[in-house]
């Protein structure tokens, strides 16, 4: 016996495929955002926790321009950063994150226009 309740219309299948493509693009954006960057020769982590910590350090640097912050790099080394260096790192991280969202927006717009691009290419970092 055929269970017709399990049958999906072409529209439903298309909607599910589109949702899967959007989810894959979002996952790729998250991976690109967390991949890290290099600023002034220093490796900088860009995962969500690191972004929050960098934001806190930037706030401290804004509050005290004479501040020196001891920062641990992803490779385990500690470095001393002047307030201006912390702000430069925070700006670079923010630019990286924005570039990841910009790439996601480009891919979603192309998908919506029926001209999907390679979701694995063109990411910053």
N, C-alpha and C. Protein backbone atom coordinates (compact mmCIF):
# COMPACT_ATOMS: atom_id res chain seq x y z
N UNK A 1 0.84 -1.18 0.00
CA UNK A 1 0.00 0.00 0.00
C UNK A 1 0.89 1.25 0.00
N UNK A 2 0.52 2.24 -0.73
CA UNK A 2 1.27 3.50 -0.81
C UNK A 2 0.74 4.47 0.23
N UNK A 3 1.65 5.03 0.99
CA UNK A 3 1.28 6.04 1.98
C UNK A 3 1.43 7.41 1.31
N UNK A 4 0.32 7.94 0.80
CA UNK A 4 0.35 9.20 0.06
C UNK A 4 0.70 10.38 0.94
N UNK A 5 0.58 10.22 2.24
CA UNK A 5 0.92 11.34 3.13
C UNK A 5 2.42 11.64 3.12
N UNK A 6 3.21 10.68 2.65
CA UNK A 6 4.66 10.87 2.58
C UNK A 6 5.10 11.53 1.27
N UNK A 7 4.20 11.67 0.35
CA UNK A 7 4.54 12.26 -0.95
C UNK A 7 4.76 13.76 -0.81
N UNK A 8 5.82 14.22 -1.46
CA UNK A 8 6.14 15.65 -1.41
C UNK A 8 5.95 16.24 -2.80
N UNK A 9 5.40 17.42 -2.81
CA UNK A 9 5.21 18.11 -4.08
C UNK A 9 6.55 18.65 -4.57
N UNK A 10 6.65 18.95 -5.84
CA UNK A 10 7.88 19.56 -6.36
C UNK A 10 8.19 20.88 -5.66
N UNK A 11 7.17 21.61 -5.29
CA UNK A 11 7.37 22.89 -4.59
C UNK A 11 8.00 22.66 -3.21
N UNK A 12 7.52 21.62 -2.52
CA UNK A 12 8.06 21.30 -1.20
C UNK A 12 9.52 20.86 -1.31
N UNK A 13 9.81 20.02 -2.30
CA UNK A 13 11.20 19.59 -2.50
C UNK A 13 12.10 20.78 -2.85
N UNK A 14 11.61 21.69 -3.68
CA UNK A 14 12.39 22.87 -4.05
C UNK A 14 12.64 23.76 -2.84
N UNK A 15 11.62 23.92 -2.01
CA UNK A 15 11.77 24.74 -0.80
C UNK A 15 12.76 24.11 0.16
N UNK A 16 12.73 22.79 0.28
CA UNK A 16 13.68 22.11 1.16
C UNK A 16 15.10 22.22 0.62
N UNK A 17 15.25 22.11 -0.69
CA UNK A 17 16.58 22.25 -1.29
C UNK A 17 17.12 23.66 -1.10
N UNK A 18 16.26 24.66 -1.27
CA UNK A 18 16.68 26.04 -1.06
C UNK A 18 17.07 26.28 0.40
N UNK A 19 16.30 25.75 1.32
CA UNK A 19 16.62 25.89 2.75
C UNK A 19 17.96 25.23 3.07
N UNK A 20 18.22 24.08 2.46
CA UNK A 20 19.50 23.40 2.68
C UNK A 20 20.66 24.21 2.12
N UNK A 21 20.48 24.82 0.96
CA UNK A 21 21.53 25.66 0.38
C UNK A 21 21.80 26.87 1.26
N UNK A 22 20.75 27.51 1.76
CA UNK A 22 20.92 28.66 2.65
C UNK A 22 21.64 28.26 3.93
N UNK A 23 21.29 27.11 4.47
CA UNK A 23 21.94 26.63 5.69
C UNK A 23 23.42 26.34 5.44
N UNK A 24 23.73 25.79 4.29
CA UNK A 24 25.13 25.50 3.94
C UNK A 24 25.93 26.80 3.80
N UNK A 25 25.33 27.81 3.22
CA UNK A 25 26.01 29.11 3.09
C UNK A 25 26.25 29.72 4.46
N UNK A 26 25.25 29.64 5.32
CA UNK A 26 25.40 30.17 6.68
C UNK A 26 26.49 29.43 7.45
N UNK A 27 26.53 28.13 7.30
CA UNK A 27 27.57 27.33 7.98
C UNK A 27 28.95 27.70 7.45
N UNK A 28 29.04 27.94 6.15
CA UNK A 28 30.33 28.31 5.55
C UNK A 28 30.76 29.69 6.04
N UNK A 29 29.79 30.60 6.20
CA UNK A 29 30.09 31.93 6.76
C UNK A 29 30.65 31.79 8.17
N UNK A 30 30.01 30.98 8.98
CA UNK A 30 30.48 30.79 10.36
C UNK A 30 31.89 30.23 10.38
N UNK A 31 32.18 29.29 9.50
CA UNK A 31 33.53 28.72 9.44
C UNK A 31 34.55 29.77 9.03
N UNK A 32 34.20 30.59 8.04
CA UNK A 32 35.12 31.65 7.59
C UNK A 32 35.34 32.68 8.70
N UNK A 33 34.28 33.03 9.41
CA UNK A 33 34.41 34.01 10.49
C UNK A 33 35.34 33.51 11.58
N UNK A 34 35.28 32.24 11.88
CA UNK A 34 36.06 31.68 12.99
C UNK A 34 37.46 31.24 12.58
N UNK A 35 37.81 31.40 11.32
CA UNK A 35 39.09 30.88 10.82
C UNK A 35 40.31 31.65 11.32
N UNK A 36 40.12 32.87 11.80
CA UNK A 36 41.23 33.67 12.28
C UNK A 36 41.82 34.53 11.18
N UNK A 37 42.58 35.54 11.61
CA UNK A 37 43.24 36.45 10.69
C UNK A 37 44.64 36.75 11.23
N UNK A 38 45.41 37.44 10.43
CA UNK A 38 46.72 37.91 10.86
C UNK A 38 46.71 39.42 10.82
N UNK A 39 47.12 40.05 11.90
CA UNK A 39 47.17 41.51 11.99
C UNK A 39 48.58 41.90 12.43
N UNK A 40 49.25 42.67 11.61
CA UNK A 40 50.61 43.12 11.91
C UNK A 40 51.52 41.93 12.27
N UNK A 41 51.34 40.83 11.54
CA UNK A 41 52.16 39.65 11.76
C UNK A 41 51.73 38.77 12.92
N UNK A 42 50.69 39.15 13.63
CA UNK A 42 50.21 38.37 14.78
C UNK A 42 48.98 37.56 14.39
N UNK A 43 48.96 36.27 14.72
CA UNK A 43 47.75 35.49 14.47
C UNK A 43 46.67 35.89 15.48
N UNK A 44 45.48 36.17 15.00
CA UNK A 44 44.39 36.60 15.87
C UNK A 44 43.21 35.66 15.67
N UNK A 45 42.73 35.09 16.76
CA UNK A 45 41.56 34.21 16.72
C UNK A 45 40.32 35.07 16.49
N UNK A 46 39.38 34.54 15.72
CA UNK A 46 38.17 35.30 15.41
C UNK A 46 36.89 34.53 15.69
N UNK A 47 36.99 33.47 16.50
CA UNK A 47 35.78 32.75 16.89
C UNK A 47 34.94 33.68 17.77
N UNK A 48 33.72 33.27 18.07
CA UNK A 48 32.80 34.14 18.82
C UNK A 48 33.36 34.56 20.18
N UNK A 49 33.96 33.64 20.90
CA UNK A 49 34.50 33.97 22.23
C UNK A 49 35.65 34.98 22.08
N UNK A 50 36.52 34.76 21.11
CA UNK A 50 37.64 35.68 20.91
C UNK A 50 37.15 37.05 20.50
N UNK A 51 36.11 37.10 19.66
CA UNK A 51 35.56 38.39 19.28
C UNK A 51 35.06 39.16 20.51
N UNK A 52 34.41 38.47 21.41
CA UNK A 52 33.92 39.12 22.63
C UNK A 52 35.08 39.62 23.48
N UNK A 53 36.12 38.83 23.59
CA UNK A 53 37.28 39.24 24.39
C UNK A 53 37.99 40.43 23.75
N UNK A 54 38.10 40.42 22.43
CA UNK A 54 38.73 41.54 21.74
C UNK A 54 37.89 42.80 21.91
N UNK A 55 36.59 42.66 21.87
CA UNK A 55 35.71 43.81 22.09
C UNK A 55 35.93 44.39 23.48
N UNK A 56 36.04 43.52 24.49
CA UNK A 56 36.31 43.99 25.85
C UNK A 56 37.64 44.69 25.95
N UNK A 57 38.65 44.13 25.31
CA UNK A 57 39.98 44.77 25.33
C UNK A 57 39.93 46.11 24.62
N UNK A 58 39.18 46.20 23.52
CA UNK A 58 39.05 47.47 22.80
C UNK A 58 38.34 48.51 23.66
N UNK A 59 37.34 48.09 24.39
CA UNK A 59 36.65 49.01 25.30
C UNK A 59 37.61 49.54 26.36
N UNK A 60 38.43 48.64 26.90
CA UNK A 60 39.43 49.07 27.88
C UNK A 60 40.43 50.04 27.25
N UNK A 61 40.81 49.78 26.02
CA UNK A 61 41.75 50.66 25.32
C UNK A 61 41.14 52.03 25.06
N UNK A 62 39.85 52.06 24.76
CA UNK A 62 39.18 53.34 24.56
C UNK A 62 39.09 54.13 25.86
N UNK A 63 38.82 53.41 26.95
CA UNK A 63 38.69 54.06 28.25
C UNK A 63 40.03 54.58 28.76
N UNK A 64 41.13 53.89 28.41
CA UNK A 64 42.45 54.29 28.87
C UNK A 64 43.44 54.16 27.71
N UNK A 65 43.63 55.24 26.95
CA UNK A 65 44.54 55.18 25.81
C UNK A 65 45.99 54.85 26.17
N UNK A 66 46.33 54.94 27.45
CA UNK A 66 47.69 54.59 27.89
C UNK A 66 47.80 53.13 28.32
N UNK A 67 46.70 52.42 28.23
CA UNK A 67 46.67 51.03 28.68
C UNK A 67 47.60 50.16 27.84
N UNK A 68 48.17 49.17 28.52
CA UNK A 68 48.92 48.11 27.84
C UNK A 68 48.25 46.81 28.25
N UNK A 69 47.92 46.02 27.26
CA UNK A 69 47.17 44.79 27.51
C UNK A 69 48.03 43.60 27.14
N UNK A 70 48.07 42.64 28.04
CA UNK A 70 48.77 41.39 27.77
C UNK A 70 47.78 40.45 27.10
N UNK A 71 48.12 40.01 25.89
CA UNK A 71 47.18 39.21 25.09
C UNK A 71 47.79 37.87 24.74
N UNK A 72 46.98 36.83 24.84
CA UNK A 72 47.44 35.49 24.47
C UNK A 72 47.01 35.19 23.04
N UNK A 73 47.97 34.83 22.22
CA UNK A 73 47.72 34.50 20.82
C UNK A 73 47.28 33.04 20.68
N UNK A 74 46.66 32.69 19.56
CA UNK A 74 46.21 31.30 19.37
C UNK A 74 47.34 30.27 19.47
N UNK A 75 48.57 30.69 19.19
CA UNK A 75 49.69 29.74 19.27
C UNK A 75 50.26 29.62 20.68
N UNK A 76 49.64 30.29 21.66
CA UNK A 76 50.04 30.17 23.05
C UNK A 76 50.98 31.25 23.55
N UNK A 77 51.52 32.05 22.64
CA UNK A 77 52.42 33.14 23.05
C UNK A 77 51.63 34.29 23.65
N UNK A 78 52.28 34.97 24.59
CA UNK A 78 51.73 36.20 25.14
C UNK A 78 52.47 37.38 24.54
N UNK A 79 51.71 38.43 24.22
CA UNK A 79 52.30 39.66 23.71
C UNK A 79 51.72 40.83 24.50
N UNK A 80 52.49 41.90 24.56
CA UNK A 80 52.01 43.15 25.17
C UNK A 80 51.53 44.05 24.04
N UNK A 81 50.32 44.53 24.16
CA UNK A 81 49.75 45.39 23.13
C UNK A 81 49.41 46.75 23.72
N UNK A 82 49.81 47.78 23.02
CA UNK A 82 49.40 49.13 23.40
C UNK A 82 47.94 49.32 23.01
N UNK A 83 47.29 50.30 23.61
CA UNK A 83 45.88 50.54 23.35
C UNK A 83 45.62 50.71 21.85
N UNK A 84 46.48 51.43 21.17
CA UNK A 84 46.29 51.65 19.73
C UNK A 84 46.37 50.32 18.96
N UNK A 85 47.23 49.42 19.39
CA UNK A 85 47.34 48.11 18.73
C UNK A 85 46.08 47.29 18.95
N UNK A 86 45.55 47.35 20.16
CA UNK A 86 44.31 46.63 20.47
C UNK A 86 43.17 47.15 19.58
N UNK A 87 43.10 48.46 19.43
CA UNK A 87 42.05 49.03 18.60
C UNK A 87 42.23 48.66 17.13
N UNK A 88 43.46 48.58 16.68
CA UNK A 88 43.73 48.16 15.30
C UNK A 88 43.30 46.71 15.10
N UNK A 89 43.59 45.87 16.07
CA UNK A 89 43.17 44.46 15.98
C UNK A 89 41.65 44.36 15.98
N UNK A 90 41.01 45.10 16.87
CA UNK A 90 39.54 45.07 16.93
C UNK A 90 38.94 45.53 15.61
N UNK A 91 39.52 46.56 15.01
CA UNK A 91 39.03 47.03 13.73
C UNK A 91 39.22 46.00 12.63
N UNK A 92 40.34 45.31 12.63
CA UNK A 92 40.61 44.29 11.63
C UNK A 92 39.67 43.10 11.80
N UNK A 93 39.40 42.72 13.04
CA UNK A 93 38.48 41.61 13.29
C UNK A 93 37.08 42.00 12.83
N UNK A 94 36.68 43.22 13.15
CA UNK A 94 35.35 43.68 12.73
C UNK A 94 35.24 43.68 11.21
N UNK A 95 36.28 44.14 10.52
CA UNK A 95 36.28 44.15 9.06
C UNK A 95 36.19 42.73 8.50
N UNK A 96 36.88 41.81 9.13
CA UNK A 96 36.84 40.40 8.71
C UNK A 96 35.43 39.84 8.86
N UNK A 97 34.82 40.08 10.00
CA UNK A 97 33.46 39.59 10.25
C UNK A 97 32.50 40.20 9.23
N UNK A 98 32.63 41.51 8.97
CA UNK A 98 31.74 42.16 8.01
C UNK A 98 31.94 41.58 6.61
N UNK A 99 33.18 41.31 6.24
CA UNK A 99 33.45 40.73 4.92
C UNK A 99 32.80 39.35 4.79
N UNK A 100 32.76 38.60 5.88
CA UNK A 100 32.09 37.29 5.85
C UNK A 100 30.59 37.44 5.65
N UNK A 101 29.98 38.40 6.34
CA UNK A 101 28.55 38.64 6.15
C UNK A 101 28.27 39.18 4.74
N UNK A 102 29.16 40.02 4.23
CA UNK A 102 28.99 40.54 2.87
C UNK A 102 29.01 39.40 1.85
N UNK A 103 29.94 38.45 2.02
CA UNK A 103 30.01 37.33 1.09
C UNK A 103 28.76 36.47 1.19
N UNK A 104 28.27 36.26 2.40
CA UNK A 104 27.03 35.50 2.56
C UNK A 104 25.89 36.21 1.83
N UNK A 105 25.79 37.53 1.97
CA UNK A 105 24.72 38.28 1.31
C UNK A 105 24.82 38.15 -0.21
N UNK A 106 26.04 38.19 -0.75
CA UNK A 106 26.24 38.02 -2.19
C UNK A 106 25.74 36.65 -2.65
N UNK A 107 26.10 35.63 -1.91
CA UNK A 107 25.70 34.26 -2.28
C UNK A 107 24.19 34.08 -2.19
N UNK A 108 23.57 34.63 -1.15
CA UNK A 108 22.12 34.50 -1.01
C UNK A 108 21.40 35.28 -2.10
N UNK A 109 21.92 36.44 -2.49
CA UNK A 109 21.31 37.22 -3.57
C UNK A 109 21.41 36.46 -4.89
N UNK A 110 22.56 35.86 -5.15
CA UNK A 110 22.73 35.08 -6.37
C UNK A 110 21.79 33.88 -6.37
N UNK A 111 21.65 33.23 -5.23
CA UNK A 111 20.75 32.09 -5.12
C UNK A 111 19.31 32.52 -5.39
N UNK A 112 18.90 33.64 -4.82
CA UNK A 112 17.54 34.15 -5.01
C UNK A 112 17.30 34.53 -6.47
N UNK A 113 18.33 34.96 -7.15
CA UNK A 113 18.21 35.34 -8.56
C UNK A 113 18.30 34.14 -9.50
N UNK A 114 18.48 32.96 -8.92
CA UNK A 114 18.57 31.77 -9.74
C UNK A 114 19.93 31.58 -10.39
N UNK A 115 20.94 32.27 -9.86
CA UNK A 115 22.29 32.18 -10.39
C UNK A 115 23.26 31.79 -9.28
N UNK A 116 23.07 30.61 -8.67
CA UNK A 116 23.92 30.24 -7.54
C UNK A 116 25.40 30.20 -7.92
N UNK A 117 26.22 30.63 -7.00
CA UNK A 117 27.67 30.64 -7.15
C UNK A 117 28.26 29.54 -6.29
N UNK A 118 29.56 29.33 -6.42
CA UNK A 118 30.27 28.34 -5.60
C UNK A 118 30.32 28.86 -4.16
N UNK A 119 29.58 28.21 -3.27
CA UNK A 119 29.52 28.66 -1.88
C UNK A 119 30.83 28.43 -1.13
N UNK A 120 31.72 27.67 -1.70
CA UNK A 120 32.99 27.42 -1.04
C UNK A 120 34.08 28.40 -1.41
N UNK A 121 33.81 29.28 -2.36
CA UNK A 121 34.83 30.19 -2.86
C UNK A 121 34.49 31.64 -2.52
N UNK A 122 35.54 32.46 -2.52
CA UNK A 122 35.36 33.90 -2.36
C UNK A 122 35.27 34.40 -0.94
N UNK A 123 35.54 33.55 0.03
CA UNK A 123 35.44 33.96 1.43
C UNK A 123 36.73 34.67 1.86
N UNK A 124 36.61 35.63 2.79
CA UNK A 124 37.82 36.29 3.27
C UNK A 124 38.68 35.34 4.11
N UNK A 125 39.93 35.68 4.18
CA UNK A 125 40.80 34.91 5.06
C UNK A 125 41.64 33.89 4.40
